[in-house]
Every structure is written in C-alpha cells, then in structure tokens.
Amino acid sequence: MNMELEIRMEDKTDSDRELKHYWSECIGAGRAKEALRADWQQQFSEAVKQFGIKYVRFHGVFHDDMFVYRDSYGSGFGPDVKLPEVLYTFSYVDKVYDFILSRGVYPFVELGFMPTGIATQPNTLFWWRANCCPPTDMNKWCELVERTVEHWVERYGVECVRKWRFEVWNEPNLVPYFWTGTRKQYFELYDATVRVIKKIDDKLMVGGPSTSVFVPDDRYKGETEDRSVEAATAQAQDYDALNWQPVWIREFLDFCRQKELPVDFLTTHLYPTDNAFGANGEMVGISRHADATYEDLLKLNKIIKESSYPNAELHITEWSHSPSSRDFMHDTVYAAVYIVRAYLKSIGLTDSMSYWTFSDIFEEGGAGIGAFHGGFGMINEQGIHKPVYHAFRMMERLGDKILHISERGIITTGKESGSAAGIFFHYPNELNGKGIGSSENYAGTLRLSEVGKPIQIHQVIEGLKPKTQYAVETLDMDHGNVLKQWHDLGEPLNLSQEQEKFLKKVADELKIQFFQADEKGRLEFVSELKPWSIVSFYQL
C-alpha cells in the first residue's frame, strides 16, 4: 500500500484551519511534595522546553506533607509563647509554585486533599496517606481555601492568578478511594469553594467536577456507586456497543444552575477503560475501542452546548490509554502511536487534554520497581525518555495552521514562519479499531508487534523556500524502543551507571533522514511507514 500526497503551501483545503496544541496546554504530575525534588524539577524543565507546556496539575496541595494547615507545631516554643489554634504556612507551596512560574508555566490547581486536622476519615489512600474525605467543618475548609488563595494573590498578583485554573477536588465519584462522601457532599464542597474564591476576585477561574470515567450503566446515578448494576456491563459481549456516558456531568451542571453557581470550566478524566464488577463480585477490566476518547469528547461538547453554561471551557485533566501506574504498555512504542492518533483525531474538541503524567517520579503506589515498571511518565525515574516522550516532541513541532489532515497524519504550517511540518503514523488497520488497552489485555494472546504491513509515504510539498533543509525523523520498533533494549539487558532491577548511560543513548537514537527543497521550493521525500511507527518531518 502506498500513501501519496501533494500539497501546495498556498492552497486552501477543507481542513485549512487553526491548530491549537491542546495536548501541551496542561500536563499531569503526581503530587505537590514530589515537585520539591531536584530530579523532578530537572525533568519538568526539560518537558516545558521540549513540549511548550502552559499548565501543570498535581494532587496534594493541602496534604499534610506540605504543612499548609497547622493545628499543632511540635516543640521549641517557650511556655510564654501563645500561638493561634490554626496557622497557615506556605513555605513549601511557595517553593513549588515559585519554581513552576519561573519556567513560564501556570498552576492548574487541584484543591485537595483534606488536612488531617479537618478530615472526617484520615489515612484513606496511597502509601502517603491522602485524606480523601469531606471536612469535619465546612467553615474550616472555606477558611483554608480563602487563606491560601489570598496568599497566592498577594504573592503573585491578581493578574497572574486570574490565569490559573482552580479545580475542586479529584475524582469524587470514586468512593471510597478519592472521596468517602456522597455526591451531595461533593456538590456542597463545590458550592462552598466556588463562593469563597469568587468573593476574593470574581475573575478567578473555578470548575469541576473532576470525575472519572465514562461508564455504560447507572452505577453512579445515586449518591454513591451501586455495584449491583455493573453485572450486565461485565457480562456484555461487545463493550463498544454500550451507551457510554460521563459521570456526574449533567447532574453537576443542573446543581450549579439551580444554585446559580458559576462554572468557568468543566473537568473530567477520559481513560478509555472501565472496571465493572460481575455478579460474583469479581472485577472485569474493560478496554474500549481506539476512538473512544474522540466519541466521549463529542458527547461532552454536546452536553456543554445544551447546558446553562454553553461558554464553559472543557479540560480533560487526566488522560492516557490506561489508568494504571503499573502497566507496561505505558513504556512501549504502541502507546506512543495510540496517543498521537487520539490527539490528532480529537483536534478542536477540548481546551486541554492533560497527559497523565510527564514523569515516573510518581509515588501513589510507592516508588517504581525497576527502571521500566509501567509507570505513567513520559520520562522514567532515571531521566530516560520513553517513546511517548518522542511522540509529544514530534507533535510540538507542528505549526499552528492545518494544511491537510487524514486518518494517517497531519501537515501544518506556521503562520509566521511559513515552514511546513507534519506527522504520519501507522496504527494498523488490521486491529479493526481496537484500542491497545493495557499490557494484560494481550498477555498470551495477540502480539501487537505482528499486526500490520508497511506503508510507503510519498510526499510532495510545493511553495516552500528554495533550498530549505528538512529532516524526517522516525520512531518505530527498531528506533527509540528503549523497553526492548532494557529487556535485552536482562531487565536489571537496579541500573548500573553504564547501563543508564547506554539506555539514555539508545532511547534517543531515532532514525533521521535529510531532504532539501529544490530551487523552485518543491520538497519530495519517500519514507517507509512500518506498523507502530511515527514519522515527523520538519524544517531544520
């Protein structure tokens, strides 16, 4: 099969429109405390430089290890020293946000979790004991939010903080994991929080409900999850034929309308997976088809348009092919191709879709076991680039105007530079639209590496600057596939310095070809597109 395409830079096409790099608007990270680490900051700085990230979101701004809410102070104070019942100290948070802002990035503030001093059920989640529960006293929660936001306005200026986004909590529908309360209690938390923030400055941006994920049944119709309705989902023969719908989005918008509350933006998480519990109580993992994210975004756009908040922004504050931080698929070339396909398919449907996460410095389940352990990150703990890192780097080279887009890729130009850039990818048709799911989906069954046949790209672009130099870079199973190289080393649990140096080198050894536009500004190149490959061309 050949793929031939001829583009003239001056031509107008049906796809001639602006291209917002919504994939780099926001990026995910683990928790606030990790941002105090030197290696986290080094990797973040690299990601910002390579991907043009504008916002970053993470958990735990109010967690005890950030010491914002202080109702006990330890020893060292004399008997005559009288301290207030509660102190609010921001030195750790200031260090994190000062650093983020120094890199030209704004916080996408996830307001949570609950400090132990006002937590109804402390020590509920993760090894670092996140308190994912309602407050004992809503007034104390409101004072915490008020003192914190007022501090940020004073420290950074209201014009700066108006560019931030304030998201109320994280995944409150996942009871008892990220929220031990009811839906009503979460809505009350949003009500109280948005009123406090808007009282400080009505131009500060607040939203929610930060739910996860789409489901095809009524398990979240009540105040808490009802697992008895999931049995039919677990037994379904064709998961993709089910009617997948967002969680709490309509209910949240209706509640805010009734209470006359502002909603500057909607947030939710779109992992294209689900876990349903069968009649026997066993959990069944479900992976949806490759266009699930695209279809979910279309539904969200329709809901917003038909709501009382038609101008609300839409932010997908967590997204990946899998919600597991121990899924080896995260480390593969397959994930890189899947992600490029999904982002290009969904252009224009959301203001941001935040990849979860930029780094394997991520400790929800404790530190990772081994250099490649299926962590969420684009970069592993040692700073080695995974294939997804290169996928984002390639997407960021794209211009801001679309010349041509198809099921295999995109060609763009820069409005100011006038240079062309593009990406082609090979997600095999032989999968019949199936998603890559998680590594467990393919254990002992289908070998993704054996799916698909090569495609030849024959590309002609006219209207370029004469003699302009272009590079064509390829990521595939033989170039940039660092997981395979680690496997060939025997999958060492603890890397030696030599092994780490070697893996960093091979991770970045992508195939490079060079081409030049002729004296008339005509560029022609031919390249093979193997299954599970991404080809990026760009001006040098």
Protein backbone atom coordinates (compact mmCIF):
# COMPACT_ATOMS: atom_id res chain seq x y z
CA MET A 1 0.00 0.00 0.00
CA ASN A 2 1.31 3.46 -0.92
CA MET A 3 0.24 6.78 0.53
CA GLU A 4 0.83 9.63 -1.90
CA LEU A 5 0.07 13.26 -1.14
CA GLU A 6 0.82 16.52 -2.90
CA ILE A 7 0.41 19.81 -1.03
CA ARG A 8 0.91 23.38 -2.25
CA MET A 9 1.55 25.80 0.58
CA GLU A 10 -0.63 28.49 -0.97
CA ASP A 11 -3.62 26.17 -1.49
CA LYS A 12 -6.71 26.32 0.67
CA THR A 13 -8.18 22.98 1.70
CA ASP A 14 -11.27 21.92 3.61
CA SER A 15 -9.03 21.33 6.59
CA ASP A 16 -7.40 24.77 6.43
CA ARG A 17 -7.90 25.98 10.00
CA GLU A 18 -6.11 26.96 13.18
CA LEU A 19 -4.36 24.26 15.16
CA LYS A 20 -4.25 24.70 18.91
CA HIS A 21 -1.66 22.49 20.58
CA TYR A 22 -4.14 21.41 23.19
CA TRP A 23 -2.01 18.39 24.12
CA SER A 24 0.61 20.74 25.60
CA GLU A 25 -1.78 23.15 27.34
CA CYS A 26 -1.57 21.13 30.55
CA ILE A 27 0.48 18.21 31.81
CA GLY A 28 -0.04 15.94 34.80
CA ALA A 29 2.29 15.18 37.71
CA GLY A 30 1.99 13.10 40.87
CA ARG A 31 1.73 15.22 43.98
CA ALA A 32 2.95 18.59 45.20
CA LYS A 33 5.67 17.23 47.52
CA GLU A 34 7.42 15.47 44.62
CA ALA A 35 7.88 18.85 42.93
CA LEU A 36 10.41 19.76 45.65
CA ARG A 37 12.80 17.10 44.32
CA ALA A 38 15.73 18.24 42.19
CA ASP A 39 15.24 15.44 39.63
CA TRP A 40 11.52 16.28 39.30
CA GLN A 41 12.39 19.91 38.64
CA GLN A 42 15.04 18.95 36.09
CA GLN A 43 12.62 16.71 34.20
CA PHE A 44 9.86 19.30 34.39
CA SER A 45 12.16 21.98 32.97
CA GLU A 46 13.07 19.64 30.12
CA ALA A 47 9.41 18.84 29.40
CA VAL A 48 8.48 22.53 29.35
CA LYS A 49 11.30 23.30 26.93
CA GLN A 50 10.51 20.37 24.63
CA PHE A 51 6.70 20.44 24.68
CA GLY A 52 5.77 24.08 25.36
CA ILE A 53 3.67 23.18 28.43
CA LYS A 54 1.50 26.03 29.72
CA TYR A 55 -0.12 24.48 32.85
CA VAL A 56 0.71 21.69 35.28
CA ARG A 57 -1.67 19.83 37.61
CA PHE A 58 -0.95 17.55 40.54
CA HIS A 59 -2.53 16.20 43.75
CA GLY A 60 -1.88 17.09 47.36
CA VAL A 61 -1.52 20.87 47.67
CA PHE A 62 -3.29 20.62 51.05
CA HIS A 63 -1.81 17.27 52.07
CA ASP A 64 -0.12 17.18 55.48
CA ASP A 65 3.37 16.90 53.95
CA MET A 66 3.01 20.42 52.51
CA PHE A 67 2.29 21.81 56.02
CA VAL A 68 -0.26 24.42 54.89
CA TYR A 69 -2.78 23.72 57.67
CA ARG A 70 -1.04 23.67 61.08
CA ASP A 71 -3.03 22.90 64.20
CA SER A 72 0.00 21.54 66.06
CA TYR A 73 3.53 22.89 65.93
CA GLY A 74 5.82 20.46 67.72
CA SER A 75 8.32 21.53 70.37
CA GLY A 76 10.68 24.52 70.52
CA PHE A 77 8.21 27.19 71.60
CA GLY A 78 8.59 28.61 75.10
CA PRO A 79 5.79 28.34 77.67
CA ASP A 80 5.00 32.02 77.33
CA VAL A 81 4.52 31.85 73.55
CA LYS A 82 0.83 31.91 72.68
CA LEU A 83 0.05 30.52 69.23
CA PRO A 84 -3.30 30.59 67.46
CA GLU A 85 -5.40 27.44 67.18
CA VAL A 86 -4.52 27.16 63.47
CA LEU A 87 -1.60 28.53 61.48
CA TYR A 88 -1.41 28.62 57.67
CA THR A 89 2.15 28.28 56.42
CA PHE A 90 3.00 28.34 52.73
CA SER A 91 6.78 27.96 52.55
CA TYR A 92 6.67 24.52 50.84
CA VAL A 93 3.88 25.50 48.46
CA ASP A 94 5.71 28.75 47.66
CA LYS A 95 8.85 26.82 46.69
CA VAL A 96 6.83 24.64 44.31
CA TYR A 97 4.82 27.44 42.70
CA ASP A 98 7.78 29.83 42.51
CA PHE A 99 9.64 27.19 40.54
CA ILE A 100 6.72 26.38 38.23
CA LEU A 101 6.07 30.05 37.47
CA SER A 102 9.80 30.66 36.89
CA ARG A 103 9.53 28.21 33.99
CA GLY A 104 6.71 30.20 32.40
CA VAL A 105 4.05 27.68 33.45
CA TYR A 106 0.83 28.33 35.39
CA PRO A 107 -0.67 26.07 38.06
CA PHE A 108 -3.84 24.15 37.27
CA VAL A 109 -4.69 23.96 40.96
CA GLU A 110 -6.40 20.82 42.17
CA LEU A 111 -7.81 21.84 45.56
CA GLY A 112 -7.18 18.82 47.81
CA PHE A 113 -6.68 16.69 49.73
CA MET A 114 -8.07 17.24 53.25
CA PRO A 115 -5.63 18.16 56.03
CA THR A 116 -5.79 15.67 58.90
CA GLY A 117 -6.91 18.40 61.29
CA ILE A 118 -10.26 18.73 59.49
CA ALA A 119 -10.57 15.27 57.89
CA THR A 120 -13.57 13.12 58.74
CA GLN A 121 -11.68 9.93 57.75
CA PRO A 122 -7.89 10.34 57.76
CA ASN A 123 -5.37 8.00 56.10
CA THR A 124 -7.61 6.73 53.32
CA LEU A 125 -5.44 6.37 50.20
CA PHE A 126 -1.91 5.73 48.91
CA TRP A 127 1.18 4.94 50.92
CA TRP A 128 1.46 8.66 51.69
CA ARG A 129 -1.94 8.58 53.38
CA ALA A 130 -4.04 11.04 51.42
CA ASN A 131 -7.17 12.16 53.26
CA CYS A 132 -9.84 11.83 50.56
CA CYS A 133 -12.87 12.81 52.61
CA PRO A 134 -15.24 15.66 53.39
CA PRO A 135 -14.22 18.17 56.06
CA THR A 136 -15.38 17.95 59.65
CA ASP A 137 -16.38 21.61 59.37
CA MET A 138 -17.12 23.30 56.03
CA ASN A 139 -16.27 26.69 57.52
CA LYS A 140 -12.76 25.46 58.32
CA TRP A 141 -12.36 24.18 54.74
CA CYS A 142 -13.54 27.55 53.41
CA GLU A 143 -11.07 29.39 55.63
CA LEU A 144 -8.26 27.14 54.36
CA VAL A 145 -9.17 27.87 50.73
CA GLU A 146 -9.61 31.59 51.41
CA ARG A 147 -6.29 31.99 53.24
CA THR A 148 -4.47 30.04 50.54
CA VAL A 149 -5.91 31.85 47.52
CA GLU A 150 -5.46 35.23 49.22
CA HIS A 151 -1.83 34.32 49.83
CA TRP A 152 -1.33 33.49 46.15
CA VAL A 153 -2.97 36.74 45.05
CA GLU A 154 -0.74 38.70 47.42
CA ARG A 155 2.43 36.84 46.42
CA TYR A 156 1.95 36.66 42.64
CA GLY A 157 -0.54 39.41 41.87
CA VAL A 158 -4.18 39.08 40.90
CA GLU A 159 -3.48 39.40 37.16
CA CYS A 160 -1.22 36.33 37.34
CA VAL A 161 -3.62 34.27 39.45
CA ARG A 162 -6.52 35.08 37.13
CA LYS A 163 -4.71 32.97 34.53
CA TRP A 164 -4.69 29.94 36.82
CA ARG A 165 -7.46 27.34 36.98
CA PHE A 166 -8.94 26.17 40.30
CA GLU A 167 -10.38 22.66 40.16
CA VAL A 168 -12.38 21.45 43.15
CA TRP A 169 -11.09 18.03 44.24
CA ASN A 170 -10.15 14.93 42.21
CA GLU A 171 -12.37 12.03 41.09
CA PRO A 172 -15.03 12.34 43.84
CA ASN A 173 -17.19 9.66 42.20
CA LEU A 174 -14.57 7.02 43.03
CA VAL A 175 -15.82 6.12 46.51
CA PRO A 176 -14.14 5.23 48.82
CA TYR A 177 -10.86 5.86 47.04
CA PHE A 178 -10.74 9.58 46.19
CA TRP A 179 -13.84 10.60 48.16
CA THR A 180 -15.50 8.95 51.13
CA GLY A 181 -18.59 11.14 50.98
CA THR A 182 -21.66 11.26 48.76
CA ARG A 183 -22.35 13.11 45.53
CA LYS A 184 -24.41 15.63 47.50
CA GLN A 185 -21.46 16.26 49.82
CA TYR A 186 -19.16 16.87 46.86
CA PHE A 187 -21.63 19.32 45.31
CA GLU A 188 -21.79 21.11 48.68
CA LEU A 189 -17.98 21.27 48.69
CA TYR A 190 -18.03 22.84 45.23
CA ASP A 191 -20.74 25.28 46.28
CA ALA A 192 -18.78 26.47 49.29
CA THR A 193 -15.43 26.57 47.47
CA VAL A 194 -16.52 28.50 44.40
CA ARG A 195 -18.26 31.10 46.55
CA VAL A 196 -15.10 31.65 48.61
CA ILE A 197 -12.85 32.02 45.58
CA LYS A 198 -15.21 34.32 43.67
CA LYS A 199 -15.53 36.50 46.79
CA ILE A 200 -11.77 37.10 46.62
CA ASP A 201 -11.94 38.01 42.93
CA ASP A 202 -14.82 37.16 40.62
CA LYS A 203 -12.48 36.78 37.64
CA LEU A 204 -10.64 33.82 39.19
CA MET A 205 -11.46 30.66 37.20
CA VAL A 206 -13.15 27.78 39.07
CA GLY A 207 -14.55 24.46 37.85
CA GLY A 208 -15.25 20.78 38.42
CA PRO A 209 -16.38 18.06 38.97
CA SER A 210 -13.13 16.24 38.03
CA THR A 211 -14.91 12.89 37.72
CA SER A 212 -13.59 9.67 36.19
CA VAL A 213 -14.51 7.99 33.74
CA PHE A 214 -17.31 7.35 31.20
CA VAL A 215 -19.49 4.35 32.14
CA PRO A 216 -22.25 2.45 30.25
CA ASP A 217 -24.63 1.85 33.16
CA ASP A 218 -26.35 3.53 36.13
CA ARG A 219 -23.79 2.77 38.84
CA TYR A 220 -23.30 6.49 39.58
CA LYS A 221 -26.94 7.58 39.33
CA GLY A 222 -27.31 7.57 43.11
CA GLU A 223 -25.36 9.26 45.86
CA THR A 224 -22.63 6.61 45.83
CA GLU A 225 -21.56 3.87 43.44
CA ASP A 226 -24.01 0.98 43.13
CA ARG A 227 -22.03 -2.08 42.06
CA SER A 228 -25.12 -4.24 41.72
CA VAL A 229 -25.90 -2.57 38.37
CA GLU A 230 -22.48 -3.38 36.91
CA ALA A 231 -23.05 -7.09 36.37
CA ALA A 232 -24.64 -6.56 32.94
CA THR A 233 -21.68 -4.45 31.85
CA ALA A 234 -19.20 -7.09 32.99
CA GLN A 235 -21.08 -9.75 31.00
CA ALA A 236 -21.51 -7.72 27.80
CA GLN A 237 -20.30 -9.38 24.59
CA ASP A 238 -19.49 -6.08 22.84
CA TYR A 239 -18.38 -3.31 25.20
CA ASP A 240 -18.22 -0.72 22.43
CA ALA A 241 -21.89 -1.21 21.58
CA LEU A 242 -22.88 0.01 25.06
CA ASN A 243 -24.06 3.58 25.68
CA TRP A 244 -21.05 5.17 27.41
CA GLN A 245 -21.85 8.39 29.29
CA PRO A 246 -19.95 10.81 31.55
CA VAL A 247 -20.21 10.65 35.33
CA TRP A 248 -21.99 13.45 37.27
CA ILE A 249 -21.51 16.00 34.47
CA ARG A 250 -25.19 16.63 33.77
CA GLU A 251 -26.04 16.43 37.47
CA PHE A 252 -23.25 18.86 38.32
CA LEU A 253 -24.41 21.39 35.74
CA ASP A 254 -28.01 21.08 36.92
CA PHE A 255 -26.98 21.59 40.54
CA CYS A 256 -24.93 24.67 39.67
CA ARG A 257 -27.81 26.09 37.61
CA GLN A 258 -30.26 25.59 40.46
CA LYS A 259 -27.87 27.20 42.95
CA GLU A 260 -26.88 29.93 40.47
CA LEU A 261 -23.21 28.98 40.87
CA PRO A 262 -20.52 29.90 38.36
CA VAL A 263 -18.87 27.18 36.27
CA ASP A 264 -15.94 28.61 34.34
CA PHE A 265 -14.85 25.20 33.10
CA LEU A 266 -15.79 21.54 33.23
CA THR A 267 -13.22 18.87 34.07
CA THR A 268 -13.32 15.11 33.80
CA HIS A 269 -10.98 12.19 33.06
CA LEU A 270 -11.26 10.13 29.89
CA TYR A 271 -9.29 6.95 30.35
CA PRO A 272 -10.72 4.66 27.64
CA THR A 273 -11.15 1.82 30.11
CA ASP A 274 -13.55 0.65 32.79
CA ASN A 275 -13.65 -1.77 35.69
CA ALA A 276 -17.02 -3.44 36.22
CA PHE A 277 -17.92 -5.86 38.99
CA GLY A 278 -19.71 -9.03 37.94
CA ALA A 279 -22.48 -10.82 39.83
CA ASN A 280 -19.85 -12.95 41.58
CA GLY A 281 -18.06 -9.83 42.84
CA GLU A 282 -15.03 -10.29 40.61
CA MET A 283 -13.73 -7.21 38.78
CA VAL A 284 -13.66 -7.31 34.99
CA GLY A 285 -11.24 -4.98 33.18
CA ILE A 286 -12.65 -3.38 30.03
CA SER A 287 -10.72 -1.67 27.22
CA ARG A 288 -12.67 0.39 24.74
CA HIS A 289 -12.01 0.94 21.05
CA ALA A 290 -9.41 3.35 19.68
CA ASP A 291 -11.90 6.17 19.02
CA ALA A 292 -13.44 6.12 22.49
CA THR A 293 -11.80 9.40 23.54
CA TYR A 294 -12.98 11.15 20.37
CA GLU A 295 -16.56 9.95 20.89
CA ASP A 296 -16.53 10.93 24.57
CA LEU A 297 -15.36 14.44 23.70
CA LEU A 298 -18.18 14.83 21.16
CA LYS A 299 -20.70 13.92 23.87
CA LEU A 300 -19.17 16.37 26.34
CA ASN A 301 -19.29 19.18 23.78
CA LYS A 302 -22.97 18.48 23.16
CA ILE A 303 -23.75 18.49 26.89
CA ILE A 304 -21.98 21.81 27.41
CA LYS A 305 -23.63 23.43 24.39
CA GLU A 306 -27.09 22.41 25.58
CA SER A 307 -26.47 23.42 29.21
CA SER A 308 -26.85 26.72 31.05
CA TYR A 309 -23.06 27.13 30.69
CA PRO A 310 -22.50 26.96 26.91
CA ASN A 311 -19.31 29.03 27.12
CA ALA A 312 -17.63 26.93 29.79
CA GLU A 313 -14.17 25.69 28.92
CA LEU A 314 -13.59 21.94 28.75
CA HIS A 315 -10.44 20.50 30.31
CA ILE A 316 -9.62 16.81 30.43
CA THR A 317 -7.35 16.98 33.45
CA GLU A 318 -6.16 13.37 33.23
CA TRP A 319 -5.84 11.22 30.13
CA SER A 320 -3.87 8.21 28.95
CA HIS A 321 -4.63 4.86 27.37
CA SER A 322 -4.70 3.24 30.83
CA PRO A 323 -5.29 4.46 34.42
CA SER A 324 -2.76 2.04 35.93
CA SER A 325 0.67 3.18 37.13
CA ARG A 326 1.89 -0.39 36.74
CA ASP A 327 1.01 -1.02 33.11
CA PHE A 328 3.97 -1.90 30.88
CA MET A 329 2.06 -0.58 27.86
CA HIS A 330 2.97 2.94 29.06
CA ASP A 331 6.61 2.19 28.24
CA THR A 332 6.02 0.99 24.68
CA VAL A 333 6.02 2.28 21.14
CA TYR A 334 2.39 1.12 20.90
CA ALA A 335 1.38 3.74 23.46
CA ALA A 336 3.19 6.48 21.54
CA VAL A 337 1.35 5.69 18.30
CA TYR A 338 -2.00 5.36 20.07
CA ILE A 339 -1.57 8.73 21.75
CA VAL A 340 -0.65 10.59 18.55
CA ARG A 341 -3.63 9.06 16.80
CA ALA A 342 -6.03 10.05 19.60
CA TYR A 343 -4.77 13.63 19.89
CA LEU A 344 -4.89 14.28 16.14
CA LYS A 345 -8.34 12.69 15.90
CA SER A 346 -9.72 14.97 18.63
CA ILE A 347 -8.44 18.36 17.42
CA GLY A 348 -10.84 21.19 18.25
CA LEU A 349 -12.93 19.26 20.79
CA THR A 350 -11.38 20.39 24.10
CA ASP A 351 -9.34 23.25 25.52
CA SER A 352 -6.82 20.85 27.00
CA MET A 353 -6.28 17.11 27.45
CA SER A 354 -3.62 16.60 30.07
CA TYR A 355 -1.43 13.52 29.67
CA TRP A 356 -1.05 11.72 32.97
CA THR A 357 1.94 12.13 33.69
CA PHE A 358 5.18 13.67 32.45
CA SER A 359 7.42 11.68 34.85
CA ASP A 360 7.71 8.32 36.60
CA ILE A 361 8.63 10.26 39.73
CA PHE A 362 5.20 9.31 40.98
CA GLU A 363 4.58 7.59 44.30
CA GLU A 364 0.90 6.72 44.65
CA GLY A 365 1.82 3.06 44.91
CA GLY A 366 5.28 3.78 46.25
CA ALA A 367 8.38 4.25 44.14
CA GLY A 368 8.53 2.22 40.95
CA ILE A 369 10.15 -1.22 40.96
CA GLY A 370 12.78 -1.24 38.25
CA ALA A 371 13.73 1.27 35.57
CA PHE A 372 10.67 0.33 33.49
CA HIS A 373 7.72 -0.71 35.63
CA GLY A 374 4.78 0.57 33.58
CA GLY A 375 4.74 4.00 35.20
CA PHE A 376 2.57 6.79 33.79
CA GLY A 377 5.50 9.01 32.84
CA MET A 378 6.97 10.06 29.51
CA ILE A 379 10.33 10.05 31.31
CA ASN A 380 11.41 7.32 33.70
CA GLU A 381 12.88 7.88 37.16
CA GLN A 382 16.45 7.94 35.80
CA GLY A 383 15.56 10.55 33.18
CA ILE A 384 15.41 8.07 30.28
CA HIS A 385 12.99 9.09 27.51
CA LYS A 386 10.17 6.68 26.70
CA PRO A 387 8.62 6.51 23.21
CA VAL A 388 5.71 8.73 24.37
CA TYR A 389 8.23 11.49 25.12
CA HIS A 390 9.26 11.50 21.46
CA ALA A 391 5.62 11.46 20.36
CA PHE A 392 4.98 14.69 22.28
CA ARG A 393 8.20 16.21 20.99
CA MET A 394 7.10 15.47 17.43
CA MET A 395 3.61 16.91 17.96
CA GLU A 396 5.05 20.11 19.37
CA ARG A 397 6.94 20.70 16.09
CA LEU A 398 3.64 21.10 14.27
CA GLY A 399 2.63 24.56 13.11
CA ASP A 400 -0.49 26.48 14.09
CA LYS A 401 -2.34 26.09 10.78
CA ILE A 402 -3.58 22.83 9.27
CA LEU A 403 -2.93 22.25 5.58
CA HIS A 404 -4.05 18.64 5.42
CA ILE A 405 -5.28 16.05 7.89
CA SER A 406 -6.20 12.41 7.37
CA GLU A 407 -6.51 9.15 9.26
CA ARG A 408 -2.74 8.67 8.86
CA GLY A 409 -1.41 12.07 9.85
CA ILE A 410 -1.32 15.82 9.51
CA ILE A 411 0.57 18.51 7.59
CA THR A 412 0.79 22.00 9.02
CA THR A 413 2.44 25.34 8.50
CA GLY A 414 3.40 28.18 10.81
CA LYS A 415 1.53 31.43 10.25
CA GLU A 416 4.66 33.44 10.97
CA SER A 417 7.46 31.09 9.91
CA GLY A 418 5.76 29.74 6.79
CA SER A 419 7.63 26.45 7.24
CA ALA A 420 5.94 23.08 6.88
CA ALA A 421 5.84 20.33 9.49
CA GLY A 422 3.94 17.10 9.70
CA ILE A 423 3.41 13.76 11.36
CA PHE A 424 2.44 10.42 9.88
CA PHE A 425 1.73 7.36 11.98
CA HIS A 426 0.89 3.71 11.38
CA TYR A 427 -1.78 2.38 13.72
CA PRO A 428 -2.57 -0.88 11.91
CA ASN A 429 -5.97 -1.17 10.24
CA GLU A 430 -5.74 -4.88 10.97
CA LEU A 431 -6.71 -4.10 14.59
CA ASN A 432 -10.17 -3.15 13.26
CA GLY A 433 -10.35 -0.11 15.52
CA LYS A 434 -9.38 -1.95 18.68
CA GLY A 435 -7.59 0.08 21.36
CA ILE A 436 -4.28 -1.01 22.83
CA GLY A 437 -5.75 -1.29 26.32
CA SER A 438 -3.32 -2.48 28.95
CA SER A 439 -0.45 -4.95 28.79
CA GLU A 440 -2.66 -7.56 30.44
CA ASN A 441 -5.11 -7.46 27.54
CA TYR A 442 -2.52 -9.04 25.28
CA ALA A 443 -0.80 -11.44 27.66
CA GLY A 444 -0.52 -14.75 25.87
CA THR A 445 -2.87 -13.73 23.07
CA LEU A 446 -2.41 -11.16 20.30
CA ARG A 447 1.14 -9.92 19.71
CA LEU A 448 0.80 -6.30 18.62
CA SER A 449 4.26 -6.38 17.04
CA GLU A 450 2.98 -8.91 14.48
CA VAL A 451 0.00 -6.81 13.36
CA GLY A 452 0.03 -4.77 10.16
CA LYS A 453 2.05 -4.28 6.98
CA PRO A 454 4.43 -1.44 5.96
CA ILE A 455 3.15 1.61 4.07
CA GLN A 456 5.25 3.77 1.78
CA ILE A 457 4.90 7.55 2.15
CA HIS A 458 5.46 9.59 -1.00
CA GLN A 459 5.26 13.24 -0.01
CA VAL A 460 5.40 16.32 -2.27
CA ILE A 461 5.12 19.86 -0.88
CA GLU A 462 5.36 22.95 -3.07
CA GLY A 463 5.61 26.62 -2.23
CA LEU A 464 8.46 26.31 0.26
CA LYS A 465 11.58 28.47 0.41
CA PRO A 466 14.04 27.25 -2.23
CA LYS A 467 16.84 25.03 -0.95
CA THR A 468 15.27 24.71 2.51
CA GLN A 469 16.62 21.79 4.53
CA TYR A 470 14.17 19.33 6.11
CA ALA A 471 14.64 16.36 8.43
CA VAL A 472 12.47 13.24 8.61
CA GLU A 473 12.62 11.51 12.00
CA THR A 474 11.22 8.03 12.66
CA LEU A 475 10.20 6.34 15.90
CA ASP A 476 9.42 2.64 15.49
CA MET A 477 10.05 -0.80 16.93
CA ASP A 478 13.71 -0.56 15.92
CA HIS A 479 14.41 3.09 16.79
CA GLY A 480 13.67 4.62 20.20
CA ASN A 481 12.23 1.36 21.56
CA VAL A 482 14.09 1.58 24.87
CA LEU A 483 11.90 -1.03 26.60
CA LYS A 484 13.24 -3.67 24.24
CA GLN A 485 16.81 -2.61 24.94
CA TRP A 486 16.19 -2.89 28.68
CA HIS A 487 14.67 -6.33 28.12
CA ASP A 488 17.74 -7.38 26.11
CA LEU A 489 19.93 -6.34 29.07
CA GLY A 490 18.04 -8.83 31.21
CA GLU A 491 15.63 -6.27 32.73
CA PRO A 492 18.02 -5.23 35.52
CA LEU A 493 16.17 -4.11 38.64
CA ASN A 494 18.84 -1.54 39.53
CA LEU A 495 20.74 0.04 36.66
CA SER A 496 24.48 0.48 36.75
CA GLN A 497 25.84 3.85 35.65
CA GLU A 498 26.97 2.27 32.38
CA GLN A 499 23.55 0.73 31.75
CA GLU A 500 21.79 4.00 32.50
CA LYS A 501 24.09 5.86 30.10
CA PHE A 502 23.54 3.23 27.40
CA LEU A 503 19.75 3.28 27.73
CA LYS A 504 19.62 7.07 27.61
CA LYS A 505 21.59 6.93 24.37
CA VAL A 506 19.51 4.26 22.63
CA ALA A 507 16.24 5.83 23.81
CA ASP A 508 17.06 8.90 21.71
CA GLU A 509 18.51 7.11 18.66
CA LEU A 510 15.67 7.70 16.26
CA LYS A 511 16.13 7.22 12.53
CA ILE A 512 16.95 10.51 10.77
CA GLN A 513 16.83 11.27 7.04
CA PHE A 514 17.53 14.61 5.38
CA PHE A 515 15.87 16.22 2.36
CA GLN A 516 16.12 19.56 0.61
CA ALA A 517 13.59 21.63 -1.30
CA ASP A 518 14.72 22.30 -4.85
CA GLU A 519 15.36 25.70 -6.42
CA LYS A 520 11.60 26.10 -7.01
CA GLY A 521 10.68 25.36 -3.39
CA ARG A 522 9.48 21.84 -4.12
CA LEU A 523 10.16 19.17 -1.49
CA GLU A 524 9.77 15.48 -2.27
CA PHE A 525 10.58 12.61 0.02
CA VAL A 526 9.83 8.92 0.23
CA SER A 527 9.83 7.03 3.51
CA GLU A 528 8.60 3.67 4.75
CA LEU A 529 6.00 3.71 7.49
CA LYS A 530 6.24 0.43 9.37
CA PRO A 531 3.44 -0.76 11.66
CA TRP A 532 3.66 1.00 15.03
CA SER A 533 5.77 3.87 13.78
CA ILE A 534 5.61 7.66 13.81
CA VAL A 535 7.33 9.82 11.18
CA SER A 536 7.89 13.52 11.78
CA PHE A 537 9.18 15.94 9.16
CA TYR A 538 10.25 19.47 9.96
CA GLN A 539 12.43 22.30 8.77
CA LEU A 540 15.97 22.43 10.10
